[in-house]
N, C-alpha and C. Protein backbone atom coordinates (compact mmCIF):
# COMPACT_ATOMS: atom_id res chain seq x y z
N MET A 1 160.47 115.30 139.71
CA MET A 1 161.17 114.25 140.45
C MET A 1 160.16 113.20 140.91
N THR A 2 160.58 111.94 140.87
CA THR A 2 159.69 110.83 141.13
C THR A 2 160.23 109.97 142.26
N ALA A 3 159.40 109.71 143.27
CA ALA A 3 159.80 108.85 144.38
C ALA A 3 160.00 107.43 143.91
N ILE A 4 160.95 106.73 144.53
CA ILE A 4 161.28 105.37 144.12
C ILE A 4 161.19 104.40 145.30
N THR A 5 161.04 103.13 144.95
CA THR A 5 161.38 102.03 145.84
C THR A 5 162.59 101.35 145.23
N LEU A 6 163.64 101.18 146.02
CA LEU A 6 164.90 100.57 145.57
C LEU A 6 164.93 99.12 146.04
N LEU A 7 165.22 98.18 145.11
CA LEU A 7 165.13 96.76 145.44
C LEU A 7 166.35 95.99 144.94
N THR A 8 166.72 94.95 145.69
CA THR A 8 167.79 94.04 145.28
C THR A 8 167.38 92.62 145.62
N GLY A 9 168.14 91.65 145.09
CA GLY A 9 167.85 90.26 145.39
C GLY A 9 169.04 89.36 145.15
N ARG A 10 169.11 88.28 145.91
CA ARG A 10 170.15 87.27 145.74
C ARG A 10 169.62 86.13 144.88
N VAL A 11 170.51 85.39 144.29
CA VAL A 11 170.15 84.23 143.47
C VAL A 11 169.56 83.14 144.37
N ARG A 12 168.47 82.55 143.89
CA ARG A 12 167.83 81.44 144.60
C ARG A 12 167.12 80.55 143.58
N ASN A 13 166.65 79.39 144.01
CA ASN A 13 165.93 78.49 143.12
C ASN A 13 164.55 79.05 142.79
N LEU A 14 164.19 78.92 141.52
CA LEU A 14 162.83 79.24 141.13
C LEU A 14 161.88 78.19 141.69
N PRO A 15 160.62 78.57 141.96
CA PRO A 15 159.66 77.60 142.50
C PRO A 15 159.50 76.39 141.59
N GLY A 16 159.59 75.20 142.19
CA GLY A 16 159.29 73.98 141.47
C GLY A 16 160.37 73.47 140.54
N CYS A 17 161.58 74.04 140.59
CA CYS A 17 162.64 73.54 139.71
C CYS A 17 164.00 73.88 140.30
N ASP A 18 165.05 73.37 139.65
CA ASP A 18 166.40 73.60 140.14
C ASP A 18 167.07 74.81 139.50
N THR A 19 166.34 75.53 138.67
CA THR A 19 166.91 76.69 137.98
C THR A 19 167.11 77.85 138.95
N LEU A 20 168.28 78.44 138.89
CA LEU A 20 168.59 79.58 139.75
C LEU A 20 168.20 80.89 139.07
N SER A 21 167.77 81.84 139.87
CA SER A 21 167.39 83.16 139.35
C SER A 21 167.50 84.20 140.45
N GLY A 22 167.76 85.43 140.05
CA GLY A 22 167.75 86.56 140.98
C GLY A 22 166.51 87.40 140.82
N ILE A 23 165.42 86.82 140.31
CA ILE A 23 164.24 87.60 139.97
C ILE A 23 163.48 88.11 141.19
N VAL A 24 163.64 87.45 142.33
CA VAL A 24 162.93 87.90 143.54
C VAL A 24 163.70 89.06 144.17
N LYS A 25 163.07 90.23 144.21
CA LYS A 25 163.71 91.42 144.77
C LYS A 25 162.92 91.93 145.98
N THR A 26 163.65 92.45 146.95
CA THR A 26 163.03 93.02 148.15
C THR A 26 163.61 94.41 148.40
N PRO A 27 162.87 95.27 149.10
CA PRO A 27 163.32 96.65 149.30
C PRO A 27 164.65 96.74 150.05
N ALA A 28 165.49 97.64 149.58
CA ALA A 28 166.77 97.90 150.25
C ALA A 28 166.53 98.75 151.49
N GLY A 29 167.32 98.49 152.52
CA GLY A 29 167.15 99.22 153.77
C GLY A 29 168.21 100.26 154.04
N ARG A 30 169.13 100.45 153.09
CA ARG A 30 170.23 101.39 153.31
C ARG A 30 170.74 101.87 151.95
N PRO A 31 171.55 102.92 151.94
CA PRO A 31 172.15 103.36 150.67
C PRO A 31 173.05 102.28 150.08
N LEU A 32 173.07 102.21 148.74
CA LEU A 32 173.84 101.19 148.03
C LEU A 32 174.68 101.84 146.95
N LEU A 33 175.84 101.26 146.70
CA LEU A 33 176.66 101.70 145.58
C LEU A 33 176.05 101.19 144.28
N LEU A 34 175.91 102.07 143.31
CA LEU A 34 175.46 101.70 141.97
C LEU A 34 176.66 101.82 141.04
N GLY A 35 177.13 100.68 140.56
CA GLY A 35 178.26 100.64 139.64
C GLY A 35 177.80 100.46 138.21
N LEU A 36 178.74 100.27 137.31
CA LEU A 36 178.43 100.17 135.89
C LEU A 36 177.59 98.94 135.57
N GLU A 37 177.64 97.90 136.43
CA GLU A 37 176.87 96.69 136.16
C GLU A 37 175.80 96.43 137.21
N GLY A 38 175.45 97.44 137.98
CA GLY A 38 174.31 97.26 138.85
C GLY A 38 174.55 97.65 140.29
N LEU A 39 173.57 97.32 141.12
CA LEU A 39 173.56 97.70 142.53
C LEU A 39 174.36 96.74 143.38
N GLU A 40 175.01 97.28 144.35
CA GLU A 40 175.68 96.49 145.39
C GLU A 40 174.68 95.50 145.99
N GLY A 41 175.07 94.22 146.06
CA GLY A 41 174.23 93.22 146.69
C GLY A 41 173.17 92.62 145.79
N ASP A 42 173.06 93.08 144.54
CA ASP A 42 172.08 92.52 143.62
C ASP A 42 172.75 91.45 142.76
N GLU A 43 172.03 90.36 142.47
CA GLU A 43 172.61 89.24 141.74
C GLU A 43 171.73 88.81 140.58
N GLN A 44 172.38 88.27 139.54
CA GLN A 44 171.72 87.62 138.42
C GLN A 44 172.37 86.26 138.22
N ALA A 45 171.54 85.25 137.96
CA ALA A 45 172.06 83.88 137.84
C ALA A 45 172.73 83.62 136.50
N ASP A 46 172.13 84.10 135.42
CA ASP A 46 172.63 83.83 134.08
C ASP A 46 173.10 85.13 133.46
N ARG A 47 174.38 85.40 133.57
CA ARG A 47 174.92 86.68 133.11
C ARG A 47 174.98 86.80 131.59
N ARG A 48 174.70 85.72 130.89
CA ARG A 48 174.66 85.81 129.43
C ARG A 48 173.49 86.66 128.96
N VAL A 49 172.39 86.61 129.70
CA VAL A 49 171.17 87.29 129.26
C VAL A 49 170.64 88.29 130.27
N HIS A 50 171.17 88.29 131.50
CA HIS A 50 170.73 89.24 132.51
C HIS A 50 171.92 90.01 133.05
N GLY A 51 171.66 91.24 133.48
CA GLY A 51 172.73 92.06 134.01
C GLY A 51 173.63 92.59 132.91
N GLY A 52 174.78 93.11 133.30
CA GLY A 52 175.69 93.72 132.35
C GLY A 52 175.44 95.21 132.23
N VAL A 53 176.29 95.87 131.46
CA VAL A 53 176.25 97.33 131.43
C VAL A 53 174.97 97.89 130.80
N GLU A 54 174.35 97.16 129.88
CA GLU A 54 173.12 97.67 129.25
C GLU A 54 171.87 97.27 130.03
N LYS A 55 172.05 96.46 131.08
CA LYS A 55 170.94 96.05 131.93
C LYS A 55 171.33 96.19 133.40
N ALA A 56 171.93 97.31 133.70
CA ALA A 56 172.46 97.50 135.05
C ALA A 56 171.33 97.64 136.08
N LEU A 57 170.26 98.28 135.69
CA LEU A 57 169.10 98.47 136.56
C LEU A 57 167.83 98.13 135.79
N HIS A 58 166.92 97.41 136.44
CA HIS A 58 165.62 97.15 135.84
C HIS A 58 164.56 97.98 136.56
N HIS A 59 163.76 98.69 135.77
CA HIS A 59 162.69 99.55 136.29
C HIS A 59 161.36 98.95 135.85
N TYR A 60 160.46 98.74 136.81
CA TYR A 60 159.11 98.27 136.48
C TYR A 60 158.09 99.16 137.16
N PRO A 61 157.13 99.70 136.39
CA PRO A 61 156.16 100.63 136.96
C PRO A 61 155.21 99.95 137.95
N LEU A 62 155.09 100.53 139.12
CA LEU A 62 154.09 100.05 140.07
C LEU A 62 152.69 100.22 139.50
N ASP A 63 152.54 101.17 138.58
CA ASP A 63 151.25 101.43 137.93
C ASP A 63 150.64 100.17 137.31
N HIS A 64 151.48 99.24 136.85
CA HIS A 64 150.98 98.04 136.16
C HIS A 64 150.42 96.99 137.12
N TYR A 65 150.78 97.06 138.37
CA TYR A 65 150.39 96.01 139.30
C TYR A 65 148.87 95.88 139.43
N ALA A 66 148.17 97.00 139.42
CA ALA A 66 146.71 96.95 139.56
C ALA A 66 146.08 96.18 138.41
N ASN A 67 146.55 96.42 137.19
CA ASN A 67 146.02 95.69 136.04
C ASN A 67 146.31 94.20 136.14
N TRP A 68 147.52 93.86 136.57
CA TRP A 68 147.86 92.44 136.72
C TRP A 68 146.97 91.78 137.78
N ARG A 69 146.69 92.47 138.86
CA ARG A 69 145.84 91.89 139.89
C ARG A 69 144.41 91.69 139.39
N LEU A 70 143.93 92.62 138.57
CA LEU A 70 142.60 92.45 137.97
C LEU A 70 142.56 91.22 137.07
N GLU A 71 143.64 90.98 136.34
CA GLU A 71 143.68 89.89 135.37
C GLU A 71 144.02 88.54 135.99
N LEU A 72 144.85 88.55 137.02
CA LEU A 72 145.39 87.30 137.55
C LEU A 72 144.99 87.01 138.99
N GLY A 73 144.42 88.00 139.67
CA GLY A 73 144.10 87.82 141.07
C GLY A 73 145.25 88.21 141.98
N GLN A 74 145.10 87.93 143.25
CA GLN A 74 146.07 88.35 144.26
C GLN A 74 147.21 87.34 144.39
N LEU A 75 147.97 87.19 143.31
CA LEU A 75 149.11 86.28 143.35
C LEU A 75 150.20 86.85 144.26
N PRO A 76 150.95 85.99 144.95
CA PRO A 76 151.99 86.49 145.88
C PRO A 76 152.96 87.50 145.27
N PRO A 77 153.47 87.30 144.03
CA PRO A 77 154.42 88.29 143.50
C PRO A 77 153.80 89.67 143.23
N LEU A 78 152.46 89.76 143.28
CA LEU A 78 151.80 91.03 142.99
C LEU A 78 151.42 91.81 144.24
N ARG A 79 151.83 91.31 145.39
CA ARG A 79 151.44 91.96 146.63
C ARG A 79 152.28 93.18 146.96
N ALA A 80 153.48 93.25 146.40
CA ALA A 80 154.38 94.37 146.69
C ALA A 80 155.39 94.49 145.55
N PRO A 81 156.03 95.65 145.39
CA PRO A 81 157.07 95.79 144.35
C PRO A 81 158.14 94.72 144.49
N GLY A 82 158.71 94.32 143.36
CA GLY A 82 159.74 93.30 143.33
C GLY A 82 159.32 92.04 142.62
N GLY A 83 158.04 91.94 142.27
CA GLY A 83 157.53 90.74 141.64
C GLY A 83 158.10 90.45 140.27
N PHE A 84 158.50 91.48 139.55
CA PHE A 84 159.00 91.32 138.19
C PHE A 84 160.52 91.41 138.11
N GLY A 85 161.17 91.36 139.26
CA GLY A 85 162.62 91.43 139.27
C GLY A 85 163.16 92.83 139.17
N GLU A 86 162.33 93.82 139.46
CA GLU A 86 162.75 95.21 139.29
C GLU A 86 163.66 95.68 140.42
N ASN A 87 164.59 96.55 140.05
CA ASN A 87 165.44 97.24 141.02
C ASN A 87 164.88 98.60 141.40
N VAL A 88 164.07 99.16 140.51
CA VAL A 88 163.47 100.47 140.73
C VAL A 88 161.98 100.36 140.47
N SER A 89 161.18 100.81 141.44
CA SER A 89 159.73 100.83 141.29
C SER A 89 159.25 102.26 141.51
N THR A 90 158.37 102.72 140.63
CA THR A 90 157.82 104.08 140.75
C THR A 90 156.35 104.08 140.33
N SER A 91 155.67 105.15 140.68
CA SER A 91 154.36 105.45 140.14
C SER A 91 154.46 106.70 139.27
N GLY A 92 153.79 106.69 138.12
CA GLY A 92 153.75 107.87 137.28
C GLY A 92 154.64 107.83 136.07
N LEU A 93 155.52 106.84 135.95
CA LEU A 93 156.35 106.66 134.76
C LEU A 93 156.00 105.31 134.13
N THR A 94 155.69 105.33 132.84
CA THR A 94 155.38 104.09 132.14
C THR A 94 156.10 104.08 130.79
N GLU A 95 155.94 102.98 130.08
CA GLU A 95 156.54 102.84 128.75
C GLU A 95 156.02 103.90 127.77
N ALA A 96 154.84 104.43 128.03
CA ALA A 96 154.28 105.46 127.15
C ALA A 96 154.93 106.82 127.35
N THR A 97 155.48 107.06 128.53
CA THR A 97 156.02 108.39 128.84
C THR A 97 157.54 108.43 128.90
N VAL A 98 158.18 107.26 128.93
CA VAL A 98 159.64 107.18 129.01
C VAL A 98 160.18 106.78 127.64
N ALA A 99 161.27 107.41 127.22
CA ALA A 99 161.88 107.14 125.91
C ALA A 99 163.30 106.61 126.08
N VAL A 100 163.72 105.84 125.11
CA VAL A 100 165.11 105.38 125.12
C VAL A 100 166.03 106.60 125.07
N GLY A 101 167.08 106.57 125.84
CA GLY A 101 168.00 107.70 125.90
C GLY A 101 167.70 108.69 127.01
N ASP A 102 166.52 108.60 127.63
CA ASP A 102 166.21 109.50 128.75
C ASP A 102 167.26 109.34 129.84
N MET A 103 167.73 110.46 130.36
CA MET A 103 168.77 110.47 131.39
C MET A 103 168.17 110.95 132.70
N PHE A 104 168.47 110.22 133.78
CA PHE A 104 167.95 110.55 135.10
C PHE A 104 169.10 110.63 136.10
N ARG A 105 168.97 111.55 137.03
CA ARG A 105 169.83 111.56 138.20
C ARG A 105 169.14 110.74 139.28
N LEU A 106 169.86 109.76 139.83
CA LEU A 106 169.35 108.92 140.90
C LEU A 106 170.41 108.90 142.00
N GLY A 107 170.13 109.56 143.10
CA GLY A 107 171.17 109.76 144.11
C GLY A 107 172.31 110.53 143.47
N SER A 108 173.53 110.06 143.65
CA SER A 108 174.68 110.71 143.02
C SER A 108 175.04 110.07 141.68
N ALA A 109 174.25 109.08 141.24
CA ALA A 109 174.50 108.39 139.97
C ALA A 109 173.72 109.04 138.84
N LEU A 110 174.23 108.86 137.62
CA LEU A 110 173.53 109.30 136.42
C LEU A 110 173.24 108.05 135.58
N ILE A 111 171.97 107.85 135.26
CA ILE A 111 171.56 106.65 134.53
C ILE A 111 170.81 107.04 133.27
N GLN A 112 170.78 106.11 132.30
CA GLN A 112 170.14 106.38 131.01
C GLN A 112 169.35 105.16 130.56
N VAL A 113 168.15 105.39 130.07
CA VAL A 113 167.32 104.30 129.55
C VAL A 113 168.00 103.69 128.33
N SER A 114 168.26 102.39 128.37
CA SER A 114 169.01 101.72 127.31
C SER A 114 168.15 100.84 126.41
N GLN A 115 167.07 100.26 126.95
CA GLN A 115 166.23 99.34 126.18
C GLN A 115 165.02 98.94 127.01
N GLY A 116 164.02 98.40 126.33
CA GLY A 116 162.91 97.78 127.04
C GLY A 116 163.31 96.41 127.53
N ARG A 117 162.41 95.80 128.27
CA ARG A 117 162.67 94.43 128.73
C ARG A 117 162.07 93.43 127.75
N GLN A 118 162.82 92.40 127.43
CA GLN A 118 162.30 91.27 126.69
C GLN A 118 162.05 90.16 127.70
N PRO A 119 160.80 89.92 128.06
CA PRO A 119 160.51 88.96 129.13
C PRO A 119 160.92 87.54 128.76
N CYS A 120 161.30 86.77 129.77
CA CYS A 120 161.70 85.38 129.54
C CYS A 120 160.85 84.43 130.37
N TRP A 121 161.00 83.16 130.12
CA TRP A 121 160.18 82.10 130.70
C TRP A 121 160.28 82.02 132.22
N LYS A 122 161.30 82.62 132.81
CA LYS A 122 161.41 82.57 134.26
C LYS A 122 160.24 83.28 134.95
N LEU A 123 159.62 84.21 134.25
CA LEU A 123 158.41 84.83 134.79
C LEU A 123 157.29 83.81 134.94
N ASN A 124 157.23 82.82 134.05
CA ASN A 124 156.21 81.78 134.14
C ASN A 124 156.33 81.03 135.46
N ARG A 125 157.57 80.71 135.83
CA ARG A 125 157.83 80.03 137.09
C ARG A 125 157.59 80.94 138.29
N ARG A 126 158.03 82.16 138.18
CA ARG A 126 157.90 83.11 139.28
C ARG A 126 156.43 83.30 139.67
N PHE A 127 155.56 83.40 138.66
CA PHE A 127 154.14 83.66 138.91
C PHE A 127 153.29 82.40 138.94
N ASP A 128 153.88 81.26 138.56
CA ASP A 128 153.12 80.01 138.41
C ASP A 128 151.96 80.22 137.43
N VAL A 129 152.26 80.94 136.36
CA VAL A 129 151.31 81.18 135.27
C VAL A 129 152.02 80.76 133.99
N LEU A 130 151.47 79.77 133.30
CA LEU A 130 152.18 79.11 132.21
C LEU A 130 152.64 80.07 131.13
N ASP A 131 151.85 81.12 130.84
CA ASP A 131 152.17 82.03 129.74
C ASP A 131 152.44 83.44 130.23
N MET A 132 152.96 83.57 131.44
CA MET A 132 153.17 84.92 132.01
C MET A 132 154.10 85.75 131.15
N ALA A 133 155.21 85.18 130.68
CA ALA A 133 156.15 85.94 129.85
C ALA A 133 155.46 86.45 128.59
N ARG A 134 154.64 85.61 127.98
CA ARG A 134 153.91 86.04 126.77
C ARG A 134 152.92 87.15 127.10
N ARG A 135 152.27 87.06 128.25
CA ARG A 135 151.34 88.11 128.65
C ARG A 135 152.06 89.45 128.80
N VAL A 136 153.22 89.40 129.44
CA VAL A 136 154.00 90.63 129.63
C VAL A 136 154.37 91.22 128.27
N GLN A 137 154.84 90.38 127.36
CA GLN A 137 155.22 90.87 126.03
C GLN A 137 154.02 91.41 125.26
N GLN A 138 152.91 90.70 125.29
CA GLN A 138 151.74 91.09 124.51
C GLN A 138 151.09 92.36 125.01
N THR A 139 151.12 92.59 126.31
CA THR A 139 150.51 93.79 126.86
C THR A 139 151.38 95.03 126.72
N GLY A 140 152.68 94.84 126.54
CA GLY A 140 153.59 95.97 126.52
C GLY A 140 153.94 96.47 127.91
N ARG A 141 153.46 95.78 128.93
CA ARG A 141 153.79 96.16 130.32
C ARG A 141 155.09 95.43 130.70
N THR A 142 156.17 95.86 130.10
CA THR A 142 157.43 95.12 130.17
C THR A 142 158.43 95.70 131.15
N GLY A 143 158.36 97.00 131.40
CA GLY A 143 159.43 97.66 132.12
C GLY A 143 160.62 97.94 131.21
N TRP A 144 161.70 98.44 131.78
CA TRP A 144 162.86 98.82 130.96
C TRP A 144 164.14 98.77 131.78
N TYR A 145 165.25 98.96 131.08
CA TYR A 145 166.58 98.89 131.69
C TYR A 145 167.31 100.23 131.56
N TYR A 146 168.26 100.43 132.48
CA TYR A 146 169.17 101.58 132.43
C TYR A 146 170.61 101.10 132.30
N ARG A 147 171.40 101.90 131.62
CA ARG A 147 172.86 101.83 131.73
C ARG A 147 173.29 102.91 132.70
N VAL A 148 174.43 102.73 133.33
CA VAL A 148 174.94 103.70 134.30
C VAL A 148 176.02 104.55 133.63
N LEU A 149 175.78 105.83 133.50
CA LEU A 149 176.74 106.75 132.90
C LEU A 149 177.75 107.25 133.92
N GLU A 150 177.28 107.46 135.13
CA GLU A 150 178.15 107.89 136.23
C GLU A 150 177.78 107.08 137.47
N PRO A 151 178.68 106.21 137.95
CA PRO A 151 178.39 105.47 139.18
C PRO A 151 178.19 106.42 140.36
N GLY A 152 177.53 105.92 141.38
CA GLY A 152 177.30 106.74 142.56
C GLY A 152 176.63 105.94 143.65
N VAL A 153 176.13 106.64 144.64
CA VAL A 153 175.43 106.02 145.77
C VAL A 153 173.95 106.36 145.66
N VAL A 154 173.11 105.33 145.85
CA VAL A 154 171.67 105.49 145.75
C VAL A 154 171.04 105.06 147.06
N ALA A 155 170.12 105.86 147.58
CA ALA A 155 169.45 105.55 148.84
C ALA A 155 167.97 105.29 148.59
N PRO A 156 167.33 104.50 149.47
CA PRO A 156 165.90 104.23 149.29
C PRO A 156 165.03 105.48 149.32
N THR A 157 165.53 106.56 149.89
CA THR A 157 164.76 107.80 149.96
C THR A 157 165.00 108.72 148.77
N ASP A 158 165.86 108.31 147.84
CA ASP A 158 166.17 109.15 146.68
C ASP A 158 165.00 109.20 145.70
N ARG A 159 165.10 110.15 144.76
CA ARG A 159 164.09 110.31 143.72
C ARG A 159 164.76 110.32 142.35
N LEU A 160 164.00 109.91 141.34
CA LEU A 160 164.46 110.01 139.96
C LEU A 160 164.21 111.43 139.46
N ASP A 161 165.24 112.05 138.94
CA ASP A 161 165.14 113.42 138.43
C ASP A 161 165.52 113.40 136.96
N LEU A 162 164.58 113.67 136.06
CA LEU A 162 164.84 113.68 134.62
C LEU A 162 165.79 114.83 134.29
N ILE A 163 166.91 114.48 133.63
CA ILE A 163 167.95 115.46 133.31
C ILE A 163 167.90 115.86 131.84
N ASP A 164 167.71 114.89 130.94
CA ASP A 164 167.77 115.18 129.51
C ASP A 164 167.03 114.10 128.75
N ARG A 165 166.59 114.46 127.53
CA ARG A 165 165.92 113.52 126.64
C ARG A 165 166.66 113.54 125.30
N ILE A 166 167.25 112.41 124.95
CA ILE A 166 168.07 112.33 123.74
C ILE A 166 167.23 112.01 122.51
N ALA A 167 166.24 111.15 122.68
CA ALA A 167 165.41 110.71 121.55
C ALA A 167 163.95 110.64 122.00
N PRO A 168 163.35 111.78 122.32
CA PRO A 168 162.00 111.77 122.92
C PRO A 168 160.92 111.16 122.03
N ASP A 169 161.13 111.13 120.72
CA ASP A 169 160.14 110.53 119.83
C ASP A 169 160.11 109.00 119.94
N TRP A 170 161.18 108.42 120.47
CA TRP A 170 161.28 106.97 120.55
C TRP A 170 160.91 106.49 121.95
N SER A 171 159.62 106.58 122.26
CA SER A 171 159.15 106.06 123.54
C SER A 171 159.34 104.54 123.57
N LEU A 172 159.39 104.00 124.75
CA LEU A 172 159.49 102.55 124.90
C LEU A 172 158.25 101.86 124.33
N HIS A 173 157.11 102.51 124.41
CA HIS A 173 155.90 101.94 123.81
C HIS A 173 156.05 101.85 122.29
N ARG A 174 156.62 102.87 121.68
CA ARG A 174 156.83 102.82 120.22
C ARG A 174 157.78 101.68 119.85
N LEU A 175 158.86 101.54 120.58
CA LEU A 175 159.79 100.44 120.31
C LEU A 175 159.08 99.09 120.45
N TRP A 176 158.32 98.94 121.53
CA TRP A 176 157.57 97.70 121.74
C TRP A 176 156.62 97.43 120.58
N HIS A 177 155.93 98.44 120.12
CA HIS A 177 154.95 98.27 119.05
C HIS A 177 155.63 97.77 117.77
N VAL A 178 156.80 98.29 117.47
CA VAL A 178 157.51 97.85 116.26
C VAL A 178 158.00 96.41 116.43
N LEU A 179 158.60 96.11 117.57
CA LEU A 179 159.20 94.79 117.75
C LEU A 179 158.17 93.68 117.89
N TYR A 180 156.99 93.99 118.46
CA TYR A 180 156.06 92.92 118.79
C TYR A 180 154.68 93.02 118.15
N VAL A 181 154.36 94.13 117.51
CA VAL A 181 153.05 94.28 116.90
C VAL A 181 153.19 94.52 115.39
N ASP A 182 153.72 95.66 115.02
CA ASP A 182 153.94 96.00 113.60
C ASP A 182 155.35 95.56 113.22
N ARG A 183 155.57 94.26 113.18
CA ARG A 183 156.90 93.67 113.29
C ARG A 183 157.78 93.78 112.05
N LEU A 184 157.19 94.04 110.91
CA LEU A 184 158.00 94.17 109.68
C LEU A 184 157.77 95.51 109.01
N ASN A 185 157.56 96.53 109.82
CA ASN A 185 157.45 97.90 109.31
C ASN A 185 158.86 98.39 108.98
N LEU A 186 159.19 98.40 107.71
CA LEU A 186 160.57 98.68 107.30
C LEU A 186 161.02 100.08 107.70
N TYR A 187 160.13 101.04 107.60
CA TYR A 187 160.49 102.41 107.96
C TYR A 187 160.88 102.48 109.44
N GLU A 188 160.06 101.90 110.30
CA GLU A 188 160.34 101.93 111.72
C GLU A 188 161.58 101.10 112.08
N LEU A 189 161.74 99.96 111.43
CA LEU A 189 162.91 99.14 111.68
C LEU A 189 164.20 99.87 111.31
N LYS A 190 164.18 100.61 110.22
CA LYS A 190 165.36 101.39 109.84
C LYS A 190 165.65 102.45 110.90
N GLY A 191 164.60 103.03 111.46
CA GLY A 191 164.80 104.01 112.53
C GLY A 191 165.43 103.39 113.75
N ILE A 192 164.99 102.20 114.12
CA ILE A 192 165.56 101.51 115.28
C ILE A 192 167.02 101.14 115.02
N ALA A 193 167.30 100.63 113.83
CA ALA A 193 168.67 100.23 113.49
C ALA A 193 169.64 101.40 113.58
N ALA A 194 169.15 102.60 113.35
CA ALA A 194 170.02 103.78 113.36
C ALA A 194 170.00 104.53 114.69
N LEU A 195 169.30 103.98 115.69
CA LEU A 195 169.12 104.67 116.96
C LEU A 195 170.30 104.36 117.88
N ASP A 196 171.33 105.18 117.81
CA ASP A 196 172.59 104.89 118.49
C ASP A 196 172.45 104.76 120.00
N VAL A 197 171.51 105.47 120.59
CA VAL A 197 171.37 105.46 122.04
C VAL A 197 170.70 104.17 122.53
N LEU A 198 170.12 103.41 121.63
CA LEU A 198 169.48 102.14 121.96
C LEU A 198 170.54 101.05 122.11
N ALA A 199 170.33 100.12 123.05
CA ALA A 199 171.26 99.01 123.25
C ALA A 199 171.50 98.25 121.94
N GLU A 200 172.74 97.83 121.74
CA GLU A 200 173.13 97.20 120.48
C GLU A 200 172.29 95.96 120.16
N GLY A 201 171.94 95.18 121.17
CA GLY A 201 171.15 93.97 120.93
C GLY A 201 169.82 94.26 120.26
N TRP A 202 169.18 95.33 120.68
CA TRP A 202 167.89 95.69 120.07
C TRP A 202 168.08 96.20 118.65
N ARG A 203 169.14 96.96 118.42
CA ARG A 203 169.41 97.42 117.06
C ARG A 203 169.69 96.24 116.13
N LYS A 204 170.36 95.22 116.65
CA LYS A 204 170.65 94.03 115.84
C LYS A 204 169.38 93.29 115.45
N HIS A 205 168.38 93.26 116.34
CA HIS A 205 167.09 92.65 115.98
C HIS A 205 166.52 93.34 114.74
N ALA A 206 166.57 94.67 114.76
CA ALA A 206 166.02 95.43 113.62
C ALA A 206 166.80 95.14 112.35
N VAL A 207 168.13 95.09 112.45
CA VAL A 207 168.97 94.82 111.28
C VAL A 207 168.67 93.44 110.71
N ARG A 208 168.55 92.45 111.57
CA ARG A 208 168.27 91.09 111.10
C ARG A 208 166.92 91.00 110.40
N ARG A 209 165.92 91.69 110.92
CA ARG A 209 164.62 91.66 110.26
C ARG A 209 164.68 92.36 108.90
N LEU A 210 165.40 93.46 108.85
CA LEU A 210 165.54 94.16 107.57
C LEU A 210 166.23 93.29 106.53
N GLU A 211 167.23 92.53 106.96
CA GLU A 211 168.01 91.72 106.04
C GLU A 211 167.28 90.43 105.64
N SER A 212 166.53 89.85 106.59
CA SER A 212 165.90 88.54 106.33
C SER A 212 164.44 88.62 105.93
N GLY A 213 163.78 89.71 106.32
CA GLY A 213 162.35 89.80 106.09
C GLY A 213 161.55 88.87 106.99
N ARG A 214 162.16 88.41 108.08
CA ARG A 214 161.50 87.48 108.99
C ARG A 214 161.63 87.96 110.43
N VAL A 215 160.67 87.52 111.24
CA VAL A 215 160.70 87.81 112.68
C VAL A 215 161.32 86.63 113.40
N GLU A 216 162.15 86.89 114.38
CA GLU A 216 162.85 85.85 115.13
C GLU A 216 161.87 84.97 115.91
N ASP A 217 162.29 83.77 116.21
CA ASP A 217 161.49 82.81 116.97
C ASP A 217 161.63 83.12 118.46
N TRP A 218 160.52 83.36 119.15
CA TRP A 218 160.55 83.76 120.55
C TRP A 218 160.32 82.59 121.51
N ARG A 219 160.11 81.39 121.00
CA ARG A 219 159.67 80.29 121.86
C ARG A 219 160.67 79.95 122.95
N LYS A 220 161.96 79.94 122.63
CA LYS A 220 162.95 79.60 123.64
C LYS A 220 162.94 80.60 124.77
N ARG A 221 162.87 81.89 124.43
CA ARG A 221 162.90 82.94 125.45
C ARG A 221 161.61 82.95 126.27
N LEU A 222 160.47 82.81 125.63
CA LEU A 222 159.20 82.95 126.33
C LEU A 222 158.72 81.67 127.01
N ASP A 223 159.00 80.53 126.38
CA ASP A 223 158.46 79.27 126.86
C ASP A 223 159.51 78.33 127.43
N GLY A 224 160.79 78.68 127.27
CA GLY A 224 161.85 77.80 127.73
C GLY A 224 162.09 76.61 126.83
N ILE A 225 161.59 76.67 125.58
CA ILE A 225 161.75 75.58 124.64
C ILE A 225 163.14 75.67 124.02
N THR A 226 163.90 74.60 124.05
CA THR A 226 165.25 74.60 123.49
C THR A 226 165.26 73.94 122.13
């Protein structure tokens, strides 16, 4: 069982622009209802790409913060959990040890790892670092999302309890490596396309690469280029 910090945030303007985002999260002070689309009191500005049943909870390892501080210095978003928009912060779980399909009991809720995070340009604004989203993608320090299998109540004092592993060979690090490093490995892409427990959007990426032989353009997502 792993101790957690539980975080939520309301939509607000990103620094230096009129764009709204719910990326700023702060620790919850009381138990919260966790429904199929997320925590009570938590908000996302653009529901087309954030939130929803396959992104009900965002988990970011506190373990990564030390590396970011070494690389970027003592930036304000790195002073405490919540800098990356996470709802769940822990020590001891990373993309190398967590696999898609892993099921956890959190309070009275049951949650399942659905996909890794694909960072977007809003991180650049959040950190005031021009290429922050690209750094997150390139390092593999992305965090991940859960779907909610059984809604329930979650308290800040609760712990994550691993219940089952559906696809233990498919760590989030392995998925990241295929999508962003060994990007046209046909064998691995076929495995991802057939991985039913993985969010449909990620499986579609694999199918498109298999069919086209090309990697998608990331500039709009990472740099905000339209």
